[in-house]
């Protein structure tokens, strides 16, 4: 029982038709879904299923099993076999796509200019933070990173997505984190490439080019212990 992941094929898709394969207290499973289930630092989508004049709100996915959609408590559950119309919360998804691409852009800038690795990160809608293996920061570090990010946004670099066989993918420099977080036994690796800036393994959704990230503000640096620095950023609505 597998859900066909429409979100990985077209990150712009917001509405689609599907059939309910499973419906029980644990959640709902559809044959086709554009809900991003969460992972790689990107939170899961929210949205609705419409069926027979009824609305079932979707609050996320079950941890550990991305096929299970979690309805809002006490919302009605469509029975198995029901044809439903799915709809992703567009402002939330679009904000997360912009933010996720901004995370990769920030990573590309700092890794390129300071030759360090990423040690952590997290994101929400229109804000995020990334941790780097940095020790002493130049006095103008924040302003320099901010300006470099704006230059890359203005460059309107394409953001391309592809899947490669594991061995071929690993032959390139696709792991930006201090440790390899790819699961064991992976046969195909999904690659997100900000062309000319950052190329890494990633399972999330992204905008089509850096220009779509929009206004980005690197607002703060924080020390997270010796040799570790955190950068926080926000995006304009």
C-alpha atoms as a PDB file:
ATOM      1  CA  UNK A   1       0.000   0.000   0.000  1.00  0.00           C
ATOM      2  CA  UNK A   2       1.995   2.968  -1.302  1.00  0.00           C
ATOM      3  CA  UNK A   3       1.066   6.593  -1.821  1.00  0.00           C
ATOM      4  CA  UNK A   4       2.233   8.131  -5.078  1.00  0.00           C
ATOM      5  CA  UNK A   5       4.180  11.258  -4.057  1.00  0.00           C
ATOM      6  CA  UNK A   6       2.923  14.050  -6.300  1.00  0.00           C
ATOM      7  CA  UNK A   7       4.792  16.650  -4.246  1.00  0.00           C
ATOM      8  CA  UNK A   8       8.128  15.254  -5.424  1.00  0.00           C
ATOM      9  CA  UNK A   9       7.083  15.510  -9.074  1.00  0.00           C
ATOM     10  CA  UNK A  10       5.597  19.015  -9.024  1.00  0.00           C
ATOM     11  CA  UNK A  11       6.225  21.300  -6.062  1.00  0.00           C
ATOM     12  CA  UNK A  12       3.713  23.817  -7.452  1.00  0.00           C
ATOM     13  CA  UNK A  13       0.758  21.384  -7.322  1.00  0.00           C
ATOM     14  CA  UNK A  14      -1.822  22.447  -4.749  1.00  0.00           C
ATOM     15  CA  UNK A  15      -5.000  20.493  -5.664  1.00  0.00           C
ATOM     16  CA  UNK A  16      -5.528  16.938  -6.928  1.00  0.00           C
ATOM     17  CA  UNK A  17      -7.955  14.006  -6.908  1.00  0.00           C
ATOM     18  CA  UNK A  18      -7.276  10.831  -4.944  1.00  0.00           C
ATOM     19  CA  UNK A  19      -8.870   7.687  -3.543  1.00  0.00           C
ATOM     20  CA  UNK A  20      -8.782   6.674   0.128  1.00  0.00           C
ATOM     21  CA  UNK A  21      -6.860   3.415   0.588  1.00  0.00           C
ATOM     22  CA  UNK A  22      -7.031   3.277   4.369  1.00  0.00           C
ATOM     23  CA  UNK A  23      -9.109   5.054   6.984  1.00  0.00           C
ATOM     24  CA  UNK A  24      -8.777   4.296  10.671  1.00  0.00           C
ATOM     25  CA  UNK A  25      -7.996   5.995  14.008  1.00  0.00           C
ATOM     26  CA  UNK A  26      -4.297   6.081  13.031  1.00  0.00           C
ATOM     27  CA  UNK A  27      -5.016   8.307  10.052  1.00  0.00           C
ATOM     28  CA  UNK A  28      -5.742   8.284   6.329  1.00  0.00           C
ATOM     29  CA  UNK A  29      -3.772   6.831   3.427  1.00  0.00           C
ATOM     30  CA  UNK A  30      -4.389   8.066  -0.134  1.00  0.00           C
ATOM     31  CA  UNK A  31      -3.330   6.530  -3.428  1.00  0.00           C
ATOM     32  CA  UNK A  32      -1.984   9.936  -4.535  1.00  0.00           C
ATOM     33  CA  UNK A  33      -0.899  12.864  -2.399  1.00  0.00           C
ATOM     34  CA  UNK A  34       0.766  16.261  -2.807  1.00  0.00           C
ATOM     35  CA  UNK A  35       1.069  16.773   0.958  1.00  0.00           C
ATOM     36  CA  UNK A  36       4.748  17.067   1.838  1.00  0.00           C
ATOM     37  CA  UNK A  37       5.095  14.722   4.841  1.00  0.00           C
ATOM     38  CA  UNK A  38       7.932  16.571   6.532  1.00  0.00           C
ATOM     39  CA  UNK A  39      11.609  15.737   6.774  1.00  0.00           C
ATOM     40  CA  UNK A  40      14.987  17.232   6.016  1.00  0.00           C
ATOM     41  CA  UNK A  41      14.165  20.123   8.327  1.00  0.00           C
ATOM     42  CA  UNK A  42      10.991  21.049   6.436  1.00  0.00           C
ATOM     43  CA  UNK A  43       7.740  20.759   8.451  1.00  0.00           C
ATOM     44  CA  UNK A  44       4.814  18.786   7.000  1.00  0.00           C
ATOM     45  CA  UNK A  45       2.076  20.415   4.970  1.00  0.00           C
ATOM     46  CA  UNK A  46      -1.381  21.229   6.202  1.00  0.00           C
ATOM     47  CA  UNK A  47      -4.569  21.369   4.158  1.00  0.00           C
ATOM     48  CA  UNK A  48      -7.952  19.725   3.545  1.00  0.00           C
ATOM     49  CA  UNK A  49      -9.698  16.793   1.905  1.00  0.00           C
ATOM     50  CA  UNK A  50     -13.095  17.518   0.349  1.00  0.00           C
ATOM     51  CA  UNK A  51     -15.555  14.667  -0.195  1.00  0.00           C
ATOM     52  CA  UNK A  52     -19.334  14.410  -0.479  1.00  0.00           C
ATOM     53  CA  UNK A  53     -19.865  17.957   0.745  1.00  0.00           C
ATOM     54  CA  UNK A  54     -17.676  17.269   3.805  1.00  0.00           C
ATOM     55  CA  UNK A  55     -14.337  18.815   4.742  1.00  0.00           C
ATOM     56  CA  UNK A  56     -11.588  16.927   6.605  1.00  0.00           C
ATOM     57  CA  UNK A  57      -8.714  19.115   7.748  1.00  0.00           C
ATOM     58  CA  UNK A  58      -5.206  17.627   7.569  1.00  0.00           C
ATOM     59  CA  UNK A  59      -2.782  18.675  10.304  1.00  0.00           C
ATOM     60  CA  UNK A  60       0.304  16.738   9.189  1.00  0.00           C
ATOM     61  CA  UNK A  61       1.583  13.197   8.886  1.00  0.00           C
ATOM     62  CA  UNK A  62       2.254  10.416  11.357  1.00  0.00           C
ATOM     63  CA  UNK A  63       5.841  10.380  12.562  1.00  0.00           C
ATOM     64  CA  UNK A  64       7.721   7.430  11.150  1.00  0.00           C
ATOM     65  CA  UNK A  65       5.230   6.712   8.353  1.00  0.00           C
ATOM     66  CA  UNK A  66       4.793   9.461   5.790  1.00  0.00           C
ATOM     67  CA  UNK A  67       1.856   7.713   4.112  1.00  0.00           C
ATOM     68  CA  UNK A  68      -0.491   8.402   7.042  1.00  0.00           C
ATOM     69  CA  UNK A  69      -2.203  11.780   6.950  1.00  0.00           C
ATOM     70  CA  UNK A  70      -3.341  12.997  10.347  1.00  0.00           C
ATOM     71  CA  UNK A  71      -6.785  14.646  10.394  1.00  0.00           C
ATOM     72  CA  UNK A  72      -7.651  17.344  12.893  1.00  0.00           C
ATOM     73  CA  UNK A  73      -9.187  15.731  15.965  1.00  0.00           C
ATOM     74  CA  UNK A  74     -12.944  15.090  15.655  1.00  0.00           C
ATOM     75  CA  UNK A  75     -13.037  15.875  11.924  1.00  0.00           C
ATOM     76  CA  UNK A  76     -14.954  13.212   9.922  1.00  0.00           C
ATOM     77  CA  UNK A  77     -12.955  10.469   8.185  1.00  0.00           C
ATOM     78  CA  UNK A  78     -13.808   9.498   4.595  1.00  0.00           C
ATOM     79  CA  UNK A  79     -14.346   5.715   4.261  1.00  0.00           C
ATOM     80  CA  UNK A  80     -12.048   3.470   2.245  1.00  0.00           C
ATOM     81  CA  UNK A  81     -12.752   3.824  -1.469  1.00  0.00           C
ATOM     82  CA  UNK A  82     -13.973   7.416  -1.212  1.00  0.00           C
ATOM     83  CA  UNK A  83     -12.881   9.793  -3.969  1.00  0.00           C
ATOM     84  CA  UNK A  84     -11.555  12.975  -2.394  1.00  0.00           C
ATOM     85  CA  UNK A  85     -10.206  16.310  -3.555  1.00  0.00           C
ATOM     86  CA  UNK A  86      -6.996  17.211  -1.770  1.00  0.00           C
ATOM     87  CA  UNK A  87      -5.796  20.774  -1.277  1.00  0.00           C
ATOM     88  CA  UNK A  88      -2.555  21.961   0.315  1.00  0.00           C
ATOM     89  CA  UNK A  89      -2.505  25.186   2.352  1.00  0.00           C
ATOM     90  CA  UNK A  90      -0.858  27.323  -0.324  1.00  0.00           C
ATOM     91  CA  UNK A  91       0.516  30.269   1.747  1.00  0.00           C
ATOM     92  CA  UNK A  92       2.090  27.847   4.222  1.00  0.00           C
ATOM     93  CA  UNK A  93       3.640  25.573   1.559  1.00  0.00           C
ATOM     94  CA  UNK A  94       4.894  28.480  -0.543  1.00  0.00           C
ATOM     95  CA  UNK A  95       6.424  30.104   2.539  1.00  0.00           C
ATOM     96  CA  UNK A  96       8.142  26.842   3.454  1.00  0.00           C
ATOM     97  CA  UNK A  97       9.446  26.384  -0.088  1.00  0.00           C
ATOM     98  CA  UNK A  98      10.949  29.876  -0.051  1.00  0.00           C
ATOM     99  CA  UNK A  99      12.444  29.253   3.375  1.00  0.00           C
ATOM    100  CA  UNK A 100      13.890  25.874   2.445  1.00  0.00           C
ATOM    101  CA  UNK A 101      15.548  27.335  -0.638  1.00  0.00           C
ATOM    102  CA  UNK A 102      16.886  30.176   1.515  1.00  0.00           C
ATOM    103  CA  UNK A 103      18.426  27.579   3.838  1.00  0.00           C
ATOM    104  CA  UNK A 104      20.297  26.037   0.904  1.00  0.00           C
ATOM    105  CA  UNK A 105      21.336  29.466  -0.367  1.00  0.00           C
ATOM    106  CA  UNK A 106      22.705  30.435   3.051  1.00  0.00           C
ATOM    107  CA  UNK A 107      24.508  27.105   3.231  1.00  0.00           C
ATOM    108  CA  UNK A 108      26.025  27.647  -0.194  1.00  0.00           C
ATOM    109  CA  UNK A 109      27.258  31.132   0.661  1.00  0.00           C
ATOM    110  CA  UNK A 110      28.833  30.254   4.021  1.00  0.00           C
ATOM    111  CA  UNK A 111      30.378  26.953   2.865  1.00  0.00           C
ATOM    112  CA  UNK A 112      31.784  28.626  -0.266  1.00  0.00           C
ATOM    113  CA  UNK A 113      33.196  31.667   1.505  1.00  0.00           C
ATOM    114  CA  UNK A 114      34.401  30.016   4.741  1.00  0.00           C
ATOM    115  CA  UNK A 115      34.995  26.335   3.817  1.00  0.00           C
ATOM    116  CA  UNK A 116      33.072  24.949   6.807  1.00  0.00           C
ATOM    117  CA  UNK A 117      30.446  22.261   7.328  1.00  0.00           C
ATOM    118  CA  UNK A 118      26.833  22.530   8.465  1.00  0.00           C
ATOM    119  CA  UNK A 119      26.208  21.192  11.969  1.00  0.00           C
ATOM    120  CA  UNK A 120      22.459  21.718  12.249  1.00  0.00           C
ATOM    121  CA  UNK A 121      19.431  23.681  11.173  1.00  0.00           C
ATOM    122  CA  UNK A 122      15.684  24.131  11.414  1.00  0.00           C
ATOM    123  CA  UNK A 123      12.995  26.148   9.709  1.00  0.00           C
ATOM    124  CA  UNK A 124       9.491  27.496  10.016  1.00  0.00           C
ATOM    125  CA  UNK A 125       7.371  29.537   7.630  1.00  0.00           C
ATOM    126  CA  UNK A 126       9.523  32.523   6.554  1.00  0.00           C
ATOM    127  CA  UNK A 127      12.233  32.023   9.168  1.00  0.00           C
ATOM    128  CA  UNK A 128      15.056  29.621   9.831  1.00  0.00           C
ATOM    129  CA  UNK A 129      18.435  29.033  11.392  1.00  0.00           C
ATOM    130  CA  UNK A 130      21.572  27.180  10.354  1.00  0.00           C
ATOM    131  CA  UNK A 131      24.527  26.094  12.469  1.00  0.00           C
ATOM    132  CA  UNK A 132      28.064  26.013  11.104  1.00  0.00           C
ATOM    133  CA  UNK A 133      31.436  24.794  12.290  1.00  0.00           C
ATOM    134  CA  UNK A 134      32.790  28.309  12.743  1.00  0.00           C
ATOM    135  CA  UNK A 135      35.000  29.573  15.533  1.00  0.00           C
ATOM    136  CA  UNK A 136      36.123  33.201  15.348  1.00  0.00           C
ATOM    137  CA  UNK A 137      33.914  35.492  13.269  1.00  0.00           C
ATOM    138  CA  UNK A 138      35.200  38.589  11.460  1.00  0.00           C
ATOM    139  CA  UNK A 139      33.731  41.842  12.726  1.00  0.00           C
ATOM    140  CA  UNK A 140      31.768  42.331   9.492  1.00  0.00           C
ATOM    141  CA  UNK A 141      30.680  38.679   9.171  1.00  0.00           C
ATOM    142  CA  UNK A 142      26.915  39.263   9.416  1.00  0.00           C
ATOM    143  CA  UNK A 143      26.896  42.111   6.891  1.00  0.00           C
ATOM    144  CA  UNK A 144      29.141  40.186   4.500  1.00  0.00           C
ATOM    145  CA  UNK A 145      26.889  37.112   4.583  1.00  0.00           C
ATOM    146  CA  UNK A 146      23.793  39.281   4.167  1.00  0.00           C
ATOM    147  CA  UNK A 147      25.181  41.002   1.097  1.00  0.00           C
ATOM    148  CA  UNK A 148      26.356  37.718  -0.424  1.00  0.00           C
ATOM    149  CA  UNK A 149      22.863  36.241   0.005  1.00  0.00           C
ATOM    150  CA  UNK A 150      21.276  39.267  -1.685  1.00  0.00           C
ATOM    151  CA  UNK A 151      23.693  38.953  -4.600  1.00  0.00           C
ATOM    152  CA  UNK A 152      22.740  35.286  -5.076  1.00  0.00           C
ATOM    153  CA  UNK A 153      19.025  36.067  -4.900  1.00  0.00           C
ATOM    154  CA  UNK A 154      19.432  38.823  -7.500  1.00  0.00           C
ATOM    155  CA  UNK A 155      21.405  36.405  -9.714  1.00  0.00           C
ATOM    156  CA  UNK A 156      18.174  34.398 -10.159  1.00  0.00           C
ATOM    157  CA  UNK A 157      20.030  31.087 -10.113  1.00  0.00           C
ATOM    158  CA  UNK A 158      17.964  28.091 -11.253  1.00  0.00           C
ATOM    159  CA  UNK A 159      17.078  25.509  -8.607  1.00  0.00           C
ATOM    160  CA  UNK A 160      16.995  22.072 -10.201  1.00  0.00           C
ATOM    161  CA  UNK A 161      15.910  18.723  -8.748  1.00  0.00           C
ATOM    162  CA  UNK A 162      17.114  15.317  -9.952  1.00  0.00           C
ATOM    163  CA  UNK A 163      17.489  11.742  -8.697  1.00  0.00           C
ATOM    164  CA  UNK A 164      20.765   9.873  -9.148  1.00  0.00           C
ATOM    165  CA  UNK A 165      21.925   6.334  -8.356  1.00  0.00           C
ATOM    166  CA  UNK A 166      23.537   6.288  -4.914  1.00  0.00           C
ATOM    167  CA  UNK A 167      27.092   5.599  -6.115  1.00  0.00           C
ATOM    168  CA  UNK A 168      26.932   8.325  -8.754  1.00  0.00           C
ATOM    169  CA  UNK A 169      25.492  10.850  -6.319  1.00  0.00           C
ATOM    170  CA  UNK A 170      28.089  10.114  -3.654  1.00  0.00           C
ATOM    171  CA  UNK A 171      30.883  10.682  -6.171  1.00  0.00           C
ATOM    172  CA  UNK A 172      30.023  14.376  -5.974  1.00  0.00           C
ATOM    173  CA  UNK A 173      30.184  16.742  -3.011  1.00  0.00           C
ATOM    174  CA  UNK A 174      26.516  16.425  -1.999  1.00  0.00           C
ATOM    175  CA  UNK A 175      26.856  16.080   1.793  1.00  0.00           C
ATOM    176  CA  UNK A 176      27.149  19.505   3.422  1.00  0.00           C
ATOM    177  CA  UNK A 177      26.478  18.363   6.972  1.00  0.00           C
ATOM    178  CA  UNK A 178      29.262  17.290   9.326  1.00  0.00           C
ATOM    179  CA  UNK A 179      27.890  13.718   9.224  1.00  0.00           C
ATOM    180  CA  UNK A 180      26.182  11.780   6.427  1.00  0.00           C
ATOM    181  CA  UNK A 181      22.473  11.641   7.321  1.00  0.00           C
ATOM    182  CA  UNK A 182      21.329   9.578   4.327  1.00  0.00           C
ATOM    183  CA  UNK A 183      19.568   6.351   5.377  1.00  0.00           C
ATOM    184  CA  UNK A 184      21.265   3.012   4.816  1.00  0.00           C
ATOM    185  CA  UNK A 185      20.276   1.004   1.758  1.00  0.00           C
ATOM    186  CA  UNK A 186      19.308   4.038  -0.312  1.00  0.00           C
ATOM    187  CA  UNK A 187      19.363   3.241  -4.038  1.00  0.00           C
ATOM    188  CA  UNK A 188      18.460   6.667  -5.420  1.00  0.00           C
ATOM    189  CA  UNK A 189      19.463  10.038  -3.989  1.00  0.00           C
ATOM    190  CA  UNK A 190      17.386  13.147  -4.628  1.00  0.00           C
ATOM    191  CA  UNK A 191      19.628  16.114  -5.417  1.00  0.00           C
ATOM    192  CA  UNK A 192      18.667  19.790  -5.119  1.00  0.00           C
ATOM    193  CA  UNK A 193      21.006  22.028  -7.084  1.00  0.00           C
ATOM    194  CA  UNK A 194      21.168  25.816  -6.849  1.00  0.00           C
ATOM    195  CA  UNK A 195      23.085  25.930 -10.089  1.00  0.00           C
ATOM    196  CA  UNK A 196      26.566  27.300  -9.584  1.00  0.00           C
ATOM    197  CA  UNK A 197      26.222  27.737  -5.819  1.00  0.00           C
ATOM    198  CA  UNK A 198      25.030  24.734  -3.824  1.00  0.00           C
ATOM    199  CA  UNK A 199      24.346  21.100  -4.714  1.00  0.00           C
ATOM    200  CA  UNK A 200      23.262  18.646  -2.030  1.00  0.00           C
ATOM    201  CA  UNK A 201      21.106  15.675  -1.125  1.00  0.00           C
ATOM    202  CA  UNK A 202      17.661  16.809  -0.037  1.00  0.00           C
ATOM    203  CA  UNK A 203      14.078  15.537   0.064  1.00  0.00           C
ATOM    204  CA  UNK A 204      12.176  18.792   0.441  1.00  0.00           C
ATOM    205  CA  UNK A 205      10.294  21.206  -1.800  1.00  0.00           C
ATOM    206  CA  UNK A 206      11.859  24.319  -3.316  1.00  0.00           C
ATOM    207  CA  UNK A 207      11.103  27.351  -5.444  1.00  0.00           C
ATOM    208  CA  UNK A 208      12.202  27.423  -9.098  1.00  0.00           C
ATOM    209  CA  UNK A 209      15.028  29.929  -8.722  1.00  0.00           C
ATOM    210  CA  UNK A 210      16.716  32.062  -6.088  1.00  0.00           C
ATOM    211  CA  UNK A 211      14.750  35.159  -7.170  1.00  0.00           C
ATOM    212  CA  UNK A 212      11.590  33.539  -5.762  1.00  0.00           C
ATOM    213  CA  UNK A 213      13.144  33.496  -2.274  1.00  0.00           C
ATOM    214  CA  UNK A 214      12.443  37.232  -2.139  1.00  0.00           C
ATOM    215  CA  UNK A 215      13.575  39.598   0.579  1.00  0.00           C
ATOM    216  CA  UNK A 216      15.967  37.802   2.932  1.00  0.00           C
ATOM    217  CA  UNK A 217      17.453  39.210   6.130  1.00  0.00           C
ATOM    218  CA  UNK A 218      20.281  37.475   7.992  1.00  0.00           C
ATOM    219  CA  UNK A 219      19.446  38.976  11.351  1.00  0.00           C
ATOM    220  CA  UNK A 220      21.581  37.406  14.056  1.00  0.00           C
ATOM    221  CA  UNK A 221      24.573  35.259  14.964  1.00  0.00           C
ATOM    222  CA  UNK A 222      24.713  33.170  18.122  1.00  0.00           C
ATOM    223  CA  UNK A 223      27.460  31.131  19.767  1.00  0.00           C
ATOM    224  CA  UNK A 224      26.466  27.495  20.358  1.00  0.00           C
ATOM    225  CA  UNK A 225      29.727  26.462  22.020  1.00  0.00           C
ATOM    226  CA  UNK A 226      33.352  26.448  20.931  1.00  0.00           C
ATOM    227  CA  UNK A 227      33.664  26.196  17.186  1.00  0.00           C
ATOM    228  CA  UNK A 228      29.917  26.426  16.497  1.00  0.00           C
ATOM    229  CA  UNK A 229      27.955  29.450  15.327  1.00  0.00           C
ATOM    230  CA  UNK A 230      24.263  29.834  14.520  1.00  0.00           C
ATOM    231  CA  UNK A 231      22.861  32.162  11.876  1.00  0.00           C
ATOM    232  CA  UNK A 232      19.218  33.206  11.950  1.00  0.00           C
ATOM    233  CA  UNK A 233      17.315  34.691   9.016  1.00  0.00           C
ATOM    234  CA  UNK A 234      13.845  35.876   8.116  1.00  0.00           C
ATOM    235  CA  UNK A 235      12.048  36.345   4.802  1.00  0.00           C
ATOM    236  CA  UNK A 236       9.727  39.156   3.879  1.00  0.00           C
ATOM    237  CA  UNK A 237       6.056  38.150   3.399  1.00  0.00           C
END
